[in-house]
Amino acid sequence: MPAPPLSSPYAVSPDDVAAYRRDGHIVLRGVASAGEVTAYGPAIRAAVSANNTERRPLAERDLYSQAFLQTMNLWQVDEYVAEFVLSQRFASIAAQLLGVERVRLYHDQALFKEPGGAFTPWHQDAGYWPLRGERCITMWLPLMAVQPAMGTLQFASGTNAAGSLSDEVISQASEDHFMSLVADGLLDGRFPVTEPATLALGDASFHGGWTLHRALPNDGAETRAVMTVIWFADGERVIDRPGEHAAGDLATWLPGCAPGDLARSPLSPILPRQEQASVGA
């Protein structure tokens, strides 16, 4: 049975855009209906089950692997997941928040935090990417209603405009570094730390590439199932970001591209912006 097309516009208000650009993150309510998420959920879950290779018990994994089961590029293995990831509605929201006409897909990733799964350390995504972080945006959309105790996100507001705050990639070291800043009042004073949000089915958060964030552990009895999609502004050029992680991302997501080239590949299709829906429609 075909899944709903996710093509109808979503009303992004000027206040939403202003809040995102000020804070570097925003929760938007009802970016999909409960029925739409329910329709796509089984395909995403099945793709994760078929493609994630992690079989070790939680206790035998490192912190990164305890934080979530990470399964990427699912749009290429399932046609229904592709409809979700390439959704014109979601891409249009991303373009409006970034203030650009079009975005390109960078990649998708499912992030499933198992019961008992560890916290996700403080980190900035763009340290991994051969792209300008301020021109990238991630959607974090749960496939279920989620409470903070299941591992929802916290953000440090305003860090989107600060660029790289540390060379530490996601790890205990990044958690220790940024938690020390919180404890000293340096991070929370300059960049207010949000309370973790409760998201209903169909709600999603969006955050920028440099926006510092973390997730709580999953103290619930169910796996916290989240699908994420990352986009970048069309017309961006690859940058020469040092480090093995950025080099790996370049080879994986932008094959054939080198620093200075336009960021485009068969894995980064262009996704045009929709006509804006009327706020309140």
Protein backbone atom coordinates (compact mmCIF):
# COMPACT_ATOMS: atom_id res chain seq x y z
CA MET A 1 0.00 0.00 0.00
CA PRO A 2 1.54 3.38 -1.00
CA ALA A 3 2.57 5.69 1.83
CA PRO A 4 1.23 9.28 1.82
CA PRO A 5 3.36 11.58 -0.36
CA LEU A 6 4.48 14.19 2.24
CA SER A 7 4.17 16.84 -0.44
CA SER A 8 1.68 19.28 1.08
CA PRO A 9 3.29 22.50 2.39
CA TYR A 10 3.97 23.19 6.05
CA ALA A 11 3.52 26.70 7.39
CA VAL A 12 6.86 28.06 8.61
CA SER A 13 6.21 31.46 10.17
CA PRO A 14 8.58 34.45 10.19
CA ASP A 15 8.83 33.97 13.96
CA ASP A 16 9.92 30.35 13.42
CA VAL A 17 12.64 31.47 11.03
CA ALA A 18 13.81 34.23 13.40
CA ALA A 19 13.93 31.83 16.36
CA TYR A 20 15.91 29.25 14.40
CA ARG A 21 18.45 31.79 13.20
CA ARG A 22 18.84 33.27 16.69
CA ASP A 23 19.05 30.00 18.63
CA GLY A 24 20.28 27.52 16.02
CA HIS A 25 17.45 25.11 16.78
CA ILE A 26 13.68 24.93 16.88
CA VAL A 27 10.92 22.41 17.60
CA LEU A 28 8.15 22.54 15.02
CA ARG A 29 4.88 20.89 15.91
CA GLY A 30 3.03 18.69 13.46
CA VAL A 31 5.48 18.72 10.55
CA ALA A 32 3.85 15.40 9.72
CA SER A 33 0.52 14.02 10.82
CA ALA A 34 0.36 11.08 13.21
CA GLY A 35 -1.03 9.03 10.33
CA GLU A 36 1.88 9.94 8.07
CA VAL A 37 4.49 8.99 10.64
CA THR A 38 2.63 5.77 11.40
CA ALA A 39 2.56 4.93 7.68
CA TYR A 40 6.32 5.36 7.21
CA GLY A 41 7.43 4.00 10.57
CA PRO A 42 7.33 0.27 9.69
CA ALA A 43 9.47 0.75 6.56
CA ILE A 44 12.08 2.76 8.48
CA ARG A 45 12.14 0.23 11.33
CA ALA A 46 12.44 -2.67 8.89
CA ALA A 47 15.30 -0.95 7.05
CA VAL A 48 17.12 -0.41 10.35
CA SER A 49 16.61 -4.04 11.33
CA ALA A 50 17.92 -5.27 7.98
CA ASN A 51 20.91 -2.93 7.73
CA ASN A 52 22.22 -2.27 11.23
CA THR A 53 25.01 -4.72 12.06
CA GLU A 54 25.42 -4.00 15.79
CA ARG A 55 24.75 -7.22 17.74
CA ARG A 56 26.84 -6.72 20.89
CA PRO A 57 25.11 -6.31 24.25
CA LEU A 58 25.12 -2.70 25.51
CA ALA A 59 27.65 -3.50 28.21
CA GLU A 60 30.23 -4.59 25.63
CA ARG A 61 30.09 -1.40 23.55
CA ASP A 62 31.92 1.91 23.80
CA LEU A 63 30.03 5.06 24.76
CA TYR A 64 29.30 6.07 21.15
CA SER A 65 27.76 2.68 20.40
CA GLN A 66 25.84 2.65 23.69
CA ALA A 67 24.26 5.99 22.86
CA PHE A 68 22.35 4.78 19.80
CA LEU A 69 22.08 2.31 16.96
CA GLN A 70 23.09 4.46 13.96
CA THR A 71 21.97 3.31 10.50
CA MET A 72 22.67 5.60 7.55
CA ASN A 73 21.71 6.09 3.91
CA LEU A 74 18.46 4.16 4.24
CA TRP A 75 16.88 6.13 1.40
CA GLN A 76 18.91 4.00 -0.97
CA VAL A 77 17.69 0.65 0.31
CA ASP A 78 13.92 1.13 0.57
CA GLU A 79 11.55 3.01 -1.71
CA TYR A 80 9.24 4.09 1.10
CA VAL A 81 12.12 5.37 3.19
CA ALA A 82 13.30 7.27 0.10
CA GLU A 83 9.91 9.00 -0.16
CA PHE A 84 10.27 10.09 3.47
CA VAL A 85 13.88 11.27 3.16
CA LEU A 86 13.33 13.06 -0.16
CA SER A 87 10.09 14.66 1.04
CA GLN A 88 9.45 18.02 -0.55
CA ARG A 89 7.73 19.21 2.63
CA PHE A 90 10.69 18.50 4.89
CA ALA A 91 13.23 19.89 2.44
CA SER A 92 11.18 23.05 2.05
CA ILE A 93 11.13 23.58 5.82
CA ALA A 94 14.90 23.19 5.85
CA ALA A 95 15.33 25.68 2.99
CA GLN A 96 13.11 28.25 4.66
CA LEU A 97 14.91 28.00 7.98
CA LEU A 98 18.29 28.34 6.22
CA GLY A 99 16.97 31.18 4.04
CA VAL A 100 17.86 29.55 0.72
CA GLU A 101 15.92 28.61 -2.40
CA ARG A 102 16.99 24.97 -2.53
CA VAL A 103 18.75 22.39 -0.43
CA ARG A 104 20.53 19.16 -1.28
CA LEU A 105 20.38 15.96 0.69
CA TYR A 106 23.55 15.24 2.63
CA HIS A 107 22.41 11.97 4.15
CA ASP A 108 19.85 10.35 6.39
CA GLN A 109 20.44 8.40 9.55
CA ALA A 110 18.17 6.49 11.90
CA LEU A 111 19.15 6.92 15.55
CA PHE A 112 17.54 4.26 17.71
CA LYS A 113 18.36 4.52 21.43
CA GLU A 114 17.67 1.21 23.12
CA PRO A 115 16.24 0.86 26.64
CA GLY A 116 19.17 1.49 28.94
CA GLY A 117 21.02 3.28 26.13
CA ALA A 118 23.57 5.82 27.31
CA PHE A 119 23.43 9.59 26.99
CA THR A 120 24.62 11.07 23.71
CA PRO A 121 27.58 13.33 24.57
CA TRP A 122 27.63 17.06 23.86
CA HIS A 123 28.90 17.59 20.32
CA GLN A 124 28.73 19.71 17.17
CA ASP A 125 27.83 17.81 14.00
CA ALA A 126 29.76 20.01 11.57
CA GLY A 127 33.12 18.87 12.89
CA TYR A 128 32.50 15.70 10.88
CA TRP A 129 31.48 17.41 7.65
CA PRO A 130 33.47 18.83 4.70
CA LEU A 131 30.88 21.63 4.50
CA ARG A 132 30.21 24.95 6.22
CA GLY A 133 28.20 24.04 9.27
CA GLU A 134 26.15 27.23 9.22
CA ARG A 135 24.78 26.18 5.82
CA CYS A 136 23.67 22.74 7.02
CA ILE A 137 20.57 21.68 8.95
CA THR A 138 19.33 18.46 10.53
CA MET A 139 15.75 17.32 11.12
CA TRP A 140 15.27 15.01 14.15
CA LEU A 141 11.85 13.37 13.86
CA PRO A 142 10.78 10.65 16.32
CA LEU A 143 8.68 7.78 15.01
CA MET A 144 6.81 7.79 18.31
CA ALA A 145 5.80 10.26 21.00
CA VAL A 146 8.90 10.84 23.15
CA GLN A 147 9.46 12.11 26.67
CA PRO A 148 12.76 13.45 28.05
CA ALA A 149 13.32 10.19 29.96
CA MET A 150 13.50 8.37 26.62
CA GLY A 151 16.45 10.46 25.44
CA THR A 152 15.32 13.72 23.85
CA LEU A 153 17.66 16.54 22.87
CA GLN A 154 19.16 19.47 24.73
CA PHE A 155 20.69 22.42 22.89
CA ALA A 156 23.04 25.24 23.76
CA SER A 157 21.24 28.18 22.18
CA GLY A 158 23.30 30.56 20.06
CA THR A 159 26.17 28.16 19.41
CA ASN A 160 25.10 27.99 15.76
CA ALA A 161 26.88 31.32 15.23
CA ALA A 162 29.97 30.46 17.28
CA GLY A 163 31.62 28.04 14.86
CA SER A 164 33.76 25.22 16.23
CA LEU A 165 33.95 25.30 20.02
CA SER A 166 36.19 22.27 20.40
CA ASP A 167 38.19 19.80 18.34
CA GLU A 168 36.63 16.92 20.27
CA VAL A 169 34.28 14.71 18.25
CA ILE A 170 31.37 12.95 19.94
CA SER A 171 32.88 11.06 22.88
CA GLN A 172 33.31 11.07 26.62
CA ALA A 173 35.98 13.72 26.03
CA SER A 174 33.47 16.03 24.32
CA GLU A 175 30.96 15.45 27.12
CA ASP A 176 33.56 16.22 29.80
CA HIS A 177 34.77 19.33 27.98
CA PHE A 178 31.36 20.89 27.58
CA MET A 179 29.97 19.75 30.92
CA SER A 180 32.91 21.49 32.59
CA LEU A 181 31.90 24.68 30.80
CA VAL A 182 28.32 24.24 31.99
CA ALA A 183 29.52 23.63 35.55
CA ASP A 184 31.64 26.78 35.43
CA GLY A 185 28.74 28.78 34.08
CA LEU A 186 30.66 29.63 30.92
CA LEU A 187 28.47 27.69 28.51
CA ASP A 188 25.12 28.29 30.16
CA GLY A 189 25.96 31.95 30.65
CA ARG A 190 26.86 32.65 27.03
CA PHE A 191 24.71 29.98 25.43
CA PRO A 192 21.60 29.06 27.45
CA VAL A 193 21.05 25.31 27.68
CA THR A 194 17.51 24.23 26.92
CA GLU A 195 15.42 21.77 28.87
CA PRO A 196 14.86 18.51 26.95
CA ALA A 197 11.56 18.66 25.07
CA THR A 198 8.56 16.35 24.88
CA LEU A 199 7.60 15.66 21.26
CA ALA A 200 4.24 14.32 20.12
CA LEU A 201 3.96 12.02 17.12
CA GLY A 202 4.65 14.19 14.07
CA ASP A 203 6.69 16.86 15.87
CA ALA A 204 10.32 17.41 14.85
CA SER A 205 13.28 19.50 15.87
CA PHE A 206 15.69 21.19 13.47
CA HIS A 207 19.23 22.27 14.35
CA GLY A 208 22.20 23.80 12.59
CA GLY A 209 25.53 22.18 11.88
CA TRP A 210 27.38 24.08 14.61
CA THR A 211 24.57 23.95 17.18
CA LEU A 212 25.90 22.22 20.28
CA HIS A 213 23.58 19.48 21.49
CA ARG A 214 23.30 16.25 23.45
CA ALA A 215 20.63 13.67 24.28
CA LEU A 216 19.66 12.15 27.61
CA PRO A 217 19.89 8.41 28.26
CA ASN A 218 16.88 6.21 27.56
CA ASP A 219 15.49 5.22 30.93
CA GLY A 220 12.26 3.93 29.37
CA ALA A 221 11.18 0.45 28.40
CA GLU A 222 10.93 1.11 24.66
CA THR A 223 13.55 1.84 22.03
CA ARG A 224 13.52 5.55 21.19
CA ALA A 225 13.14 5.47 17.41
CA VAL A 226 14.19 8.65 15.58
CA MET A 227 14.76 9.34 11.89
CA THR A 228 17.03 12.21 10.95
CA VAL A 229 17.66 13.91 7.62
CA ILE A 230 20.55 16.31 6.97
CA TRP A 231 20.55 18.88 4.15
CA PHE A 232 22.93 21.58 2.95
CA ALA A 233 22.31 24.71 0.90
CA ASP A 234 22.52 24.17 -2.85
CA GLY A 235 25.58 25.91 -4.30
CA GLU A 236 27.88 25.11 -1.37
CA ARG A 237 31.45 24.16 -2.10
CA VAL A 238 33.40 21.44 -0.36
CA ILE A 239 35.79 22.80 2.26
CA ASP A 240 39.10 21.33 3.34
CA ARG A 241 38.18 20.42 6.91
CA PRO A 242 41.03 18.54 8.61
CA GLY A 243 40.59 15.17 10.23
CA GLU A 244 39.83 11.61 9.25
CA HIS A 245 36.12 11.97 9.99
CA ALA A 246 35.62 14.76 7.45
CA ALA A 247 37.72 12.90 4.89
CA GLY A 248 35.57 9.82 5.41
CA ASP A 249 32.38 11.81 5.06
CA LEU A 250 33.64 13.40 1.85
CA ALA A 251 34.41 10.01 0.31
CA THR A 252 31.13 8.51 1.49
CA TRP A 253 28.56 11.24 0.87
CA LEU A 254 30.18 13.39 -1.83
CA PRO A 255 32.17 10.85 -3.86
CA GLY A 256 34.30 12.40 -6.58
CA CYS A 257 34.31 15.84 -4.95
CA ALA A 258 37.43 17.62 -3.71
CA PRO A 259 37.90 20.81 -1.65
CA GLY A 260 36.77 23.79 -3.70
CA ASP A 261 34.36 21.76 -5.85
CA LEU A 262 30.64 22.36 -5.83
CA ALA A 263 29.14 19.93 -3.32
CA ARG A 264 27.04 17.68 -5.50
CA SER A 265 26.95 13.99 -6.28
CA PRO A 266 24.38 11.31 -7.16
CA LEU A 267 23.96 10.90 -3.40
CA SER A 268 23.01 14.58 -2.90
CA PRO A 269 19.94 15.23 -5.04
CA ILE A 270 18.61 18.78 -5.18
CA LEU A 271 15.28 19.34 -3.45
CA PRO A 272 13.39 22.50 -4.49
CA ARG A 273 11.54 24.72 -2.06
CA GLN A 274 7.74 24.68 -2.06
CA GLU A 275 5.39 27.60 -2.21
CA GLN A 276 4.84 28.74 1.36
CA ALA A 277 1.62 27.61 3.01
CA SER A 278 -0.43 30.20 4.87
CA VAL A 279 0.32 30.29 8.58
CA GLY A 280 -2.60 28.75 10.45
CA ALA A 281 -3.83 26.78 7.45
